[in-house]
Structure formats: C-alpha cells, structure tokens
Protein backbone atom coordinates (compact mmCIF):
# COMPACT_ATOMS: atom_id res chain seq x y z
CA MET A 1 0.00 0.00 0.00
CA LEU A 2 1.19 3.53 -0.70
CA SER A 3 2.23 5.90 2.07
CA LYS A 4 -0.28 8.26 3.66
CA THR A 5 1.28 11.16 1.74
CA HIS A 6 0.85 9.41 -1.59
CA GLN A 7 -2.74 8.52 -0.75
CA GLU A 8 -3.50 12.12 0.20
CA LYS A 9 -1.98 13.37 -3.07
CA LEU A 10 -4.13 10.99 -5.10
CA THR A 11 -7.26 12.01 -3.22
CA ALA A 12 -6.45 15.67 -3.85
CA LEU A 13 -5.89 14.99 -7.56
CA ALA A 14 -9.16 13.10 -7.93
CA THR A 15 -11.08 15.80 -6.09
CA ALA A 16 -9.61 18.49 -8.35
CA LEU A 17 -10.55 16.51 -11.45
CA VAL A 18 -14.21 16.00 -10.51
CA ASP A 19 -14.71 19.74 -10.03
CA GLN A 20 -18.44 20.32 -9.54
CA ASP A 21 -18.03 24.07 -9.06
CA ASN A 22 -16.37 24.66 -12.45
CA ALA A 23 -17.83 21.81 -14.50
CA ARG A 24 -19.89 22.39 -17.63
CA VAL A 25 -22.50 20.28 -19.39
CA LEU A 26 -20.89 18.30 -22.22
CA VAL A 27 -23.92 16.29 -23.40
CA GLU A 28 -27.52 16.94 -22.41
CA PRO A 29 -29.98 14.10 -21.78
CA GLN A 30 -33.02 13.98 -24.03
CA ASP A 31 -35.15 15.70 -21.40
CA ARG A 32 -34.43 17.70 -18.27
CA SER A 33 -36.42 15.58 -15.83
CA THR A 34 -36.12 12.49 -13.66
CA GLY A 35 -34.94 9.31 -15.35
CA PHE A 36 -33.23 11.02 -18.30
CA TRP A 37 -29.45 10.46 -18.48
CA PHE A 38 -26.43 10.53 -20.74
CA GLY A 39 -23.15 8.94 -19.67
CA GLY A 40 -21.62 5.58 -18.97
CA GLY A 41 -18.82 5.92 -21.51
CA ASN A 42 -15.26 7.19 -21.80
CA VAL A 43 -13.16 9.79 -23.62
CA VAL A 44 -10.24 9.45 -26.06
CA GLN A 45 -8.27 11.78 -28.34
CA ASP A 46 -8.29 11.07 -32.07
CA PRO A 47 -4.60 10.85 -33.09
CA ARG A 48 -5.35 12.06 -36.60
CA ASP A 49 -6.46 15.59 -35.69
CA GLY A 50 -6.40 15.86 -31.89
CA SER A 51 -10.20 16.05 -31.60
CA ILE A 52 -11.91 14.69 -28.50
CA LEU A 53 -14.26 11.70 -28.76
CA ILE A 54 -16.79 10.82 -26.07
CA CYS A 55 -19.09 7.80 -26.07
CA GLY A 56 -22.06 6.96 -23.87
CA ARG A 57 -25.68 5.92 -23.82
CA PHE A 58 -28.96 7.78 -23.60
CA ARG A 59 -31.35 6.49 -20.97
CA ASN A 60 -34.88 7.89 -20.83
CA PHE A 61 -37.50 7.52 -18.15
CA GLY A 62 -39.69 4.48 -18.64
CA ASP A 63 -39.61 0.75 -19.15
CA SER A 64 -37.08 -1.04 -21.34
CA ARG A 65 -39.30 -4.12 -21.60
CA THR A 66 -41.41 -3.12 -24.61
CA GLY A 67 -39.75 -4.95 -27.47
CA THR A 68 -36.55 -4.41 -29.37
CA GLY A 69 -35.85 -0.78 -30.14
CA ALA A 70 -39.01 0.53 -28.51
CA GLY A 71 -38.24 0.70 -24.80
CA ALA A 72 -37.33 4.10 -23.37
CA ARG A 73 -34.59 2.90 -21.05
CA GLY A 74 -31.16 2.05 -22.50
CA LEU A 75 -32.36 3.81 -25.63
CA GLU A 76 -29.32 4.69 -27.74
CA CYS A 77 -25.53 4.37 -27.93
CA ALA A 78 -23.82 7.53 -29.23
CA ILE A 79 -20.40 9.06 -29.97
CA TYR A 80 -19.72 12.80 -29.74
CA ARG A 81 -16.80 14.86 -31.04
CA ALA A 82 -15.34 18.25 -30.14
CA ASP A 83 -12.33 20.06 -31.61
CA SER A 84 -10.83 20.48 -28.13
CA VAL A 85 -11.57 19.80 -24.46
CA ASP A 86 -13.34 23.16 -24.19
CA GLY A 87 -15.20 22.86 -27.50
CA GLU A 88 -18.82 22.01 -28.20
CA PHE A 89 -19.56 18.29 -28.49
CA THR A 90 -21.57 17.21 -31.54
CA LYS A 91 -23.07 13.77 -32.15
CA ILE A 92 -21.32 11.97 -35.01
CA LYS A 93 -22.52 8.36 -34.61
CA SER A 94 -25.43 6.63 -32.90
CA TRP A 95 -27.13 3.23 -32.81
CA SER A 96 -30.48 2.08 -31.47
CA LYS A 97 -31.25 -1.23 -29.78
CA ALA A 98 -32.53 -2.55 -33.09
CA ASP A 99 -29.27 -1.53 -34.77
CA LEU A 100 -27.25 -3.51 -32.22
CA SER A 101 -29.38 -6.65 -32.35
CA TRP A 102 -27.67 -9.49 -34.20
CA GLY A 103 -27.63 -13.25 -34.64
CA GLY A 104 -31.32 -13.51 -33.81
CA GLN A 105 -30.67 -11.91 -30.41
CA ASP A 106 -32.94 -8.95 -29.69
CA VAL A 107 -31.33 -6.19 -27.61
CA VAL A 108 -33.61 -5.07 -24.79
CA SER A 109 -31.38 -2.29 -23.42
CA ILE A 110 -28.01 -0.56 -23.85
CA GLU A 111 -25.73 0.63 -21.05
CA GLY A 112 -22.01 1.26 -20.59
CA THR A 113 -19.68 1.73 -23.58
CA ALA A 114 -15.95 2.27 -24.08
CA LEU A 115 -13.83 3.53 -26.99
CA HIS A 116 -10.31 2.20 -27.49
CA LEU A 117 -7.72 3.48 -29.96
CA ILE A 118 -5.47 0.86 -31.55
CA GLY A 119 -2.13 2.48 -32.29
CA ASP A 120 -1.83 6.02 -33.63
CA THR A 121 -3.51 5.67 -37.03
CA GLY A 122 -7.08 6.29 -35.92
CA GLU A 123 -8.03 2.60 -35.88
CA ILE A 124 -10.64 2.21 -33.19
CA GLU A 125 -12.89 -0.27 -31.40
CA LEU A 126 -16.03 0.29 -29.38
CA PHE A 127 -17.19 -2.00 -26.59
CA ILE A 128 -20.94 -1.90 -25.88
CA SER A 129 -22.88 -3.58 -23.08
CA THR A 130 -26.28 -4.80 -24.20
CA GLU A 131 -29.07 -6.70 -22.53
CA LYS A 132 -30.04 -9.49 -24.89
CA GLY A 133 -33.31 -11.37 -24.73
CA HIS A 134 -31.98 -14.52 -23.10
CA SER A 135 -33.70 -16.52 -20.36
CA TYR A 136 -32.15 -17.25 -16.99
CA PRO A 137 -30.66 -20.73 -16.47
CA GLU A 138 -33.05 -23.55 -15.64
CA GLY A 139 -34.18 -23.46 -12.04
CA TYR A 140 -33.65 -19.70 -11.70
CA GLU A 141 -36.32 -18.41 -14.08
CA GLY A 142 -38.35 -17.03 -11.19
CA PHE A 143 -35.70 -14.40 -10.50
CA GLN A 144 -36.02 -12.84 -13.97
CA LYS A 145 -38.49 -10.03 -14.51
CA PRO A 146 -40.74 -10.62 -17.53
CA GLY A 147 -39.36 -9.10 -20.71
CA THR A 148 -35.81 -8.65 -19.42
CA GLY A 149 -32.67 -10.37 -20.65
CA VAL A 150 -29.09 -11.06 -19.67
CA TRP A 151 -26.18 -8.64 -20.12
CA ALA A 152 -23.03 -9.22 -22.19
CA ILE A 153 -20.43 -7.01 -23.92
CA ASP A 154 -20.06 -6.76 -27.70
CA ARG A 155 -17.40 -5.14 -29.90
CA ILE A 156 -17.37 -3.26 -33.18
CA SER A 157 -14.26 -1.89 -34.89
CA ALA A 158 -13.10 0.12 -37.90
CA ASP A 159 -10.12 1.93 -39.39
CA CYS A 160 -11.52 5.22 -38.05
CA VAL A 161 -14.40 6.42 -35.90
CA GLU A 162 -16.41 7.60 -38.93
CA ASN A 163 -16.55 4.03 -40.24
CA LEU A 164 -17.72 2.33 -37.06
CA SER A 165 -20.71 0.12 -37.84
CA PRO A 166 -22.57 -2.79 -36.25
CA ASP A 167 -21.61 -4.86 -39.30
CA GLY A 168 -19.36 -7.59 -37.98
CA ILE A 169 -20.37 -7.04 -34.35
CA GLN A 170 -19.16 -9.82 -32.06
CA GLU A 171 -19.54 -10.80 -28.43
CA ILE A 172 -16.36 -10.24 -26.39
CA ILE A 173 -17.42 -10.86 -22.78
CA PRO A 174 -20.40 -13.23 -22.52
CA ASN A 175 -22.85 -13.58 -19.68
CA ASP A 176 -21.55 -16.07 -17.14
CA VAL A 177 -24.11 -18.86 -16.83
CA ASP A 178 -21.53 -20.95 -14.96
CA ASP A 179 -21.22 -18.35 -12.20
CA LEU A 180 -24.68 -17.08 -11.27
CA GLY A 181 -23.14 -14.73 -8.72
CA ARG A 182 -21.68 -12.91 -11.73
CA LEU A 183 -24.28 -13.76 -14.37
CA HIS A 184 -24.45 -10.31 -16.00
CA SER A 185 -21.43 -8.70 -17.74
CA LYS A 186 -21.66 -4.99 -18.58
CA ASP A 187 -20.18 -1.45 -18.37
CA PRO A 188 -16.75 -1.93 -20.02
CA TRP A 189 -13.67 0.25 -19.42
CA VAL A 190 -10.40 -0.18 -21.27
CA PHE A 191 -6.71 0.83 -21.24
CA ASP A 192 -3.31 -0.30 -22.50
CA MET A 193 -0.53 -1.53 -20.24
CA GLU A 194 3.07 -0.38 -20.74
CA ASN A 195 3.89 -3.58 -22.65
CA GLY A 196 1.04 -3.00 -25.11
CA ASP A 197 -1.41 -5.50 -23.63
CA THR A 198 -5.01 -4.25 -23.55
CA VAL A 199 -7.03 -4.50 -20.33
CA LEU A 200 -10.80 -4.72 -20.71
CA GLY A 201 -12.50 -4.28 -17.36
CA TYR A 202 -16.21 -4.79 -16.78
CA CYS A 203 -18.95 -4.82 -14.17
CA THR A 204 -20.68 -7.97 -12.93
CA HIS A 205 -24.11 -8.47 -11.35
CA PRO A 206 -25.61 -11.64 -9.87
CA PHE A 207 -28.90 -13.14 -11.02
CA THR A 208 -30.58 -11.43 -8.04
CA TRP A 209 -29.27 -7.93 -8.90
CA SER A 210 -28.25 -7.49 -5.24
CA SER A 211 -24.65 -6.32 -5.79
CA SER A 212 -22.03 -5.39 -8.37
CA GLY A 213 -18.37 -6.23 -8.82
CA THR A 214 -15.47 -5.73 -11.21
CA GLY A 215 -13.76 -8.25 -13.46
CA ALA A 216 -10.98 -7.89 -16.03
CA TYR A 217 -9.80 -9.55 -19.23
CA ILE A 218 -6.45 -9.01 -21.02
CA ARG A 219 -5.64 -9.19 -24.73
CA GLU A 220 -1.92 -9.65 -25.26
CA VAL A 221 -0.22 -7.24 -27.66
CA GLY A 222 -0.76 -8.46 -31.21
CA GLY A 223 -3.38 -10.95 -30.03
CA GLU A 224 -6.96 -11.33 -31.15
CA TYR A 225 -8.74 -12.70 -28.08
CA PHE A 226 -9.26 -11.54 -24.52
CA GLU A 227 -8.47 -13.91 -21.66
CA LEU A 228 -10.02 -13.69 -18.19
CA VAL A 229 -7.69 -12.39 -15.46
CA THR A 230 -10.02 -11.88 -12.50
CA LYS A 231 -13.71 -11.80 -11.60
CA ASN A 232 -13.12 -9.92 -8.36
CA MET A 233 -10.73 -7.03 -8.97
CA LEU A 234 -11.98 -4.71 -6.22
CA ALA A 235 -13.45 -5.91 -2.94
CA ARG A 236 -16.64 -4.30 -1.72
CA GLY A 237 -16.25 -2.34 1.49
CA PRO A 238 -17.85 -2.47 4.95
CA VAL A 239 -19.74 0.84 4.98
CA TRP A 240 -21.07 2.94 2.10
CA ASP A 241 -19.82 0.69 -0.72
CA ILE A 242 -21.01 -2.63 0.67
CA ALA A 243 -23.32 -3.30 -2.30
CA GLY A 244 -21.02 -2.54 -5.21
CA ALA A 245 -17.52 -2.04 -6.55
CA ARG A 246 -17.87 -1.04 -10.21
CA VAL A 247 -14.62 0.37 -11.60
CA THR A 248 -15.25 2.84 -14.44
CA GLU A 249 -11.79 4.24 -15.22
CA ARG A 250 -8.05 3.81 -14.82
CA LEU A 251 -5.91 6.96 -14.72
CA LYS A 252 -2.17 6.48 -15.22
CA VAL A 253 -0.68 8.76 -12.55
CA PRO A 254 1.93 11.11 -14.06
CA LYS A 255 5.43 10.33 -12.78
CA ILE A 256 6.01 13.77 -11.33
CA GLY A 257 6.36 15.17 -7.82
CA VAL A 258 6.15 12.51 -5.11
CA PHE A 259 5.43 9.90 -7.80
CA ALA A 260 8.55 10.62 -9.86
CA ASP A 261 10.56 7.78 -8.33
CA GLN A 262 7.64 5.48 -7.53
CA PRO A 263 6.73 2.36 -9.51
CA GLN A 264 4.02 3.22 -12.03
CA THR A 265 0.85 3.90 -10.05
CA SER A 266 -2.70 3.87 -11.37
CA LEU A 267 -5.71 5.64 -9.91
CA TYR A 268 -9.04 3.88 -10.40
CA PHE A 269 -12.45 5.53 -10.16
CA TYR A 270 -15.31 3.31 -9.04
CA ASP A 271 -19.04 3.53 -8.30
CA SER A 272 -20.94 2.01 -5.43
CA CYS A 273 -23.84 2.37 -3.03
CA GLU A 274 -25.14 0.95 0.22
CA SER A 275 -27.85 -1.10 -1.49
CA LEU A 276 -29.04 -1.69 -5.04
CA ARG A 277 -32.61 -1.27 -3.78
CA GLN A 278 -34.10 1.83 -2.21
CA MET A 279 -34.28 1.69 1.58
CA ASP A 280 -36.29 4.22 3.57
CA GLU A 281 -34.46 6.31 6.16
CA ASN A 282 -35.46 6.41 9.80
CA PRO A 283 -37.14 9.84 10.08
CA THR A 284 -35.69 10.38 13.56
CA ALA A 285 -32.11 9.46 12.62
CA VAL A 286 -29.31 11.43 10.98
CA ALA A 287 -30.08 12.15 7.34
CA ARG A 288 -28.56 9.61 4.95
CA PRO A 289 -27.47 7.25 7.75
CA ARG A 290 -26.80 4.35 5.41
CA GLY A 291 -24.68 5.87 2.67
CA TRP A 292 -27.37 7.30 0.41
CA SER A 293 -29.15 3.96 0.04
CA CYS A 294 -29.27 2.96 -3.67
CA GLU A 295 -27.87 6.19 -5.14
CA GLU A 296 -24.68 5.42 -7.05
CA LEU A 297 -21.77 7.55 -5.84
CA ALA A 298 -18.11 7.62 -6.84
CA ALA A 299 -14.80 7.02 -5.10
CA ILE A 300 -11.20 6.01 -5.86
CA ALA A 301 -8.92 3.00 -5.56
CA VAL A 302 -5.21 2.62 -6.26
CA GLY A 303 -2.84 -0.04 -7.54
CA LEU A 304 0.71 -0.51 -8.80
CA ASP A 305 0.82 -1.59 -12.44
CA GLU A 306 3.41 -4.26 -11.64
CA GLU A 307 0.85 -5.85 -9.28
CA PHE A 308 -2.16 -5.64 -11.62
CA PRO A 309 -4.98 -6.60 -11.10
CA LYS A 310 -4.46 -5.96 -7.38
CA ILE A 311 -6.05 -2.66 -6.30
CA GLU A 312 -7.36 -1.25 -3.03
CA SER A 313 -9.99 1.37 -2.19
CA LEU A 314 -8.86 4.73 -0.80
CA SER A 315 -12.44 5.52 0.20
CA PRO A 316 -13.46 2.81 2.70
CA LEU A 317 -15.63 4.90 5.01
CA ALA A 318 -17.40 7.35 2.67
CA PRO A 319 -17.73 8.19 -1.03
CA LEU A 320 -15.40 10.85 -2.39
CA PHE A 321 -17.92 12.34 -4.83
CA VAL A 322 -21.54 13.24 -4.05
CA SER A 323 -23.52 15.63 -6.25
CA LYS A 324 -24.38 18.93 -4.57
CA THR A 325 -27.74 18.84 -6.36
CA GLY A 326 -30.53 16.36 -7.04
CA THR A 327 -30.27 12.86 -5.60
CA GLY A 328 -26.55 13.09 -4.85
CA CYS A 329 -25.66 10.73 -7.70
CA ILE A 330 -22.25 11.01 -9.39
CA ARG A 331 -20.98 8.04 -11.42
CA TYR A 332 -19.12 6.79 -14.49
CA VAL A 333 -16.07 9.05 -14.03
CA ALA A 334 -13.76 8.97 -17.08
CA THR A 335 -10.50 10.81 -17.79
CA LEU A 336 -8.17 11.75 -20.63
CA VAL A 337 -4.55 12.76 -20.01
CA THR A 338 -3.11 15.24 -22.53
CA PRO A 339 0.17 17.18 -22.51
CA GLU A 340 -1.83 20.25 -21.47
CA GLY A 341 -3.68 18.64 -18.58
CA ILE A 342 -6.33 16.08 -17.61
CA PHE A 343 -9.89 16.20 -18.94
CA ALA A 344 -12.52 14.49 -16.76
CA ASN A 345 -16.21 13.79 -17.30
CA TRP A 346 -18.94 12.11 -15.29
CA GLN A 347 -22.71 11.62 -15.09
CA GLN A 348 -24.28 13.78 -12.36
CA SER A 349 -27.73 14.35 -10.86
CA GLN A 350 -29.14 17.87 -11.22
CA GLU A 351 -31.82 19.85 -9.39
CA ASP A 352 -34.36 18.72 -12.00
CA LEU A 353 -33.24 15.10 -11.33
CA SER A 354 -31.88 14.59 -14.84
CA GLN A 355 -28.27 13.38 -15.24
CA PRO A 356 -26.30 15.07 -18.03
CA LEU A 357 -22.65 14.37 -18.79
CA MET A 358 -20.54 16.94 -16.96
CA GLY A 359 -16.87 17.77 -17.53
CA SER A 360 -13.93 19.84 -16.38
CA PHE A 361 -10.28 20.33 -17.35
CA LEU A 362 -7.35 20.47 -14.94
CA PRO A 363 -4.23 22.15 -16.41
CA MET A 364 -0.99 20.20 -16.07
CA SER A 365 0.49 23.01 -14.00
CA GLU A 366 -2.17 22.33 -11.36
CA VAL A 367 -1.59 18.58 -11.60
CA GLU A 368 2.10 19.21 -10.95
CA ALA A 369 1.31 21.45 -7.98
CA ILE A 370 -1.00 18.84 -6.44
CA LEU A 371 1.54 16.02 -6.82
CA ALA A 372 4.56 18.12 -5.82
C-alpha cells in the first residue's frame, strides 16, 4: 500500500478533477427531468487531428421491456466529437437497440460503452454492453423479470471512428451462466498496459441484482482474443460501498512530484452504493445514515501496475464524490490525459433530477502542484 502522503496526493488529484463548481454540461440528456441520463462511456483523443471523442448511452424515463428498439430505457448508444476539451460536443454516430441486435438476439437495453484506440492511425474499437433477450438458467427463471434479458459485452471496430458500424459485431465478454453470482457482464472500461497488452474491465451483477463487482480480461499485444484475469478485482467495502464495486476508469498517474521515483501507479475511479434497492431512512435518525441507500456515488482506488490486477480502495468509510444537487448521484467518471492537462467527465444528478454528462479540465500546471 502507498504511504499516507501518496494517498493524500491521489485524493487531492481526484477531487480536483471532478470539479463540480467549475464543471460544464458536455452532453444533455433527451429531457431535463427524472430518469433522463447521458453517460456511462469514456473519452479518447483522435490521433489524426487531436479532436476529443466521447461515447455513452442515452437512458430515458420508462420501461425497457417493450420490445426491441421501442423501450425508453437504454435507448441509444452515441459518440460525440469536439475540436478540443473546451469545444462544443456534436453527435457523429449513434445506434439504437434494433441496430445492435444481431444473430437472432434482440437487444432489450443498452448501457455502458468504451472507446479504445489501436495504435496512432485512428483505428478504433467500441465495446458496448447490451441486454439481450436470453432466459435465466433452468431453475432460476423465477428471479427474472418478464421481458428482461441477460447482459453481455459486444465489440465493433473500424479503421476510423467515422466508419464504425454494427456490421461484424461480435460478443467479447459473454454472460456467465456458470457463475450465477456474476451472471451479468456490462459497463466496459479499457486501457493499455506499458507492454502493449489491452485491459478490458467490466462490471458484474448476480442473477438477483443485489450487488455489483469488477472483473478484467487481457488481450496480449498483437493478439486477437481476450483472456479472463479476474472476476473480483476490487473488494466491496464495509460501509457505504457494501453493495457494489464497479470500476469505471483507470488513470495512469503522471510520474512527477512525489510519484517521480515510484513504480508506475494507477488511480481507479469506481461507483458504489449501500444497497441496489431503495431503503427508507429512519425519520428520527441522521439524514442519509446508510450511505445514500441505492444512489450510485463515486470514489477512488489505487494499484501498482506491476501488481495488476491488485487494487485497493482509498475511500473505505465514505464516497469521495456526491452531487451537490438532485439525488446526490455522481458516477461513471472517465479521464483523458493530454500534454496540457487532464480532462474528466462524469454523469451527475441535477436539481431537476436529470443526469447530463458533466466535464472539467485540470491544467498540467495544477496537476504538478497537487503532486509536488
């Protein structure tokens, strides 16, 4: 484990990145009211022109269980582009549930997505979590709500983002029928190790939807297939994060300041909550006595790259990020390191209870000052 000083520096860096006071709306949900969201993706920089690419999914209020392409929830997967981190983001690609259905498998809903650049030519792949219309394994059918499916992660790829298409879509991380405690696979996040291997992390849920966890696959450099590394990358905690440990991002900590002579350290953002189901507060007790019940909040973990996939939470007793407005929800933190600084975005509850994609930019001079 890192020293107390190093932990404090990482906490200060993460707090400066998720800057609620100076954040701006990057992508609006389709309506400014409860149940309308955009987020659940990541951000990369196109090596061809330096433009910024963001992916995510639109979720609208309502029921996803109304047939392929018709349900309001998990409505659409989309990619946005801006000329720079402070530019206006414009939609350049999008796909509906019907678009992403393949092989006779109807897609009921769409959630987390992740873009990954392959080399510096603009070649790109997009990982998409979709709920396909499968039935639960025999003997467990009673736990499945009518009209729902089982989650898995698919992949599409192209020589550039403009040519991304569902043609040739393939399943990369299947649902895990052999491990019902991790039946559902969704919400991918991706990064490259120093040796060129690609890590594809993902969230797991049991057949009961009572918790979440984090698993990881690795594709060796030059390889075609991903191999499972772990199904339990981050342990759930004893207090506010007892119900979940969903990693959403890995930030390679710059080797400056107190980290200059340290082994390569990575900062991981993760989401959790005290329960995946709403629990009423005791009206005579302290407000939010159980960690905001089922509201997903964000925190950080840390690990040394040489020890991957071993990581440990730096937020065991309380979340690090809680929205100052709405329900308190902040989740799906993503980052992009550039020579000029670090660009962060996240999904955040507002006063009107919608959840747009928010973002802020931390100049490298401030990063250096924090880590000094």
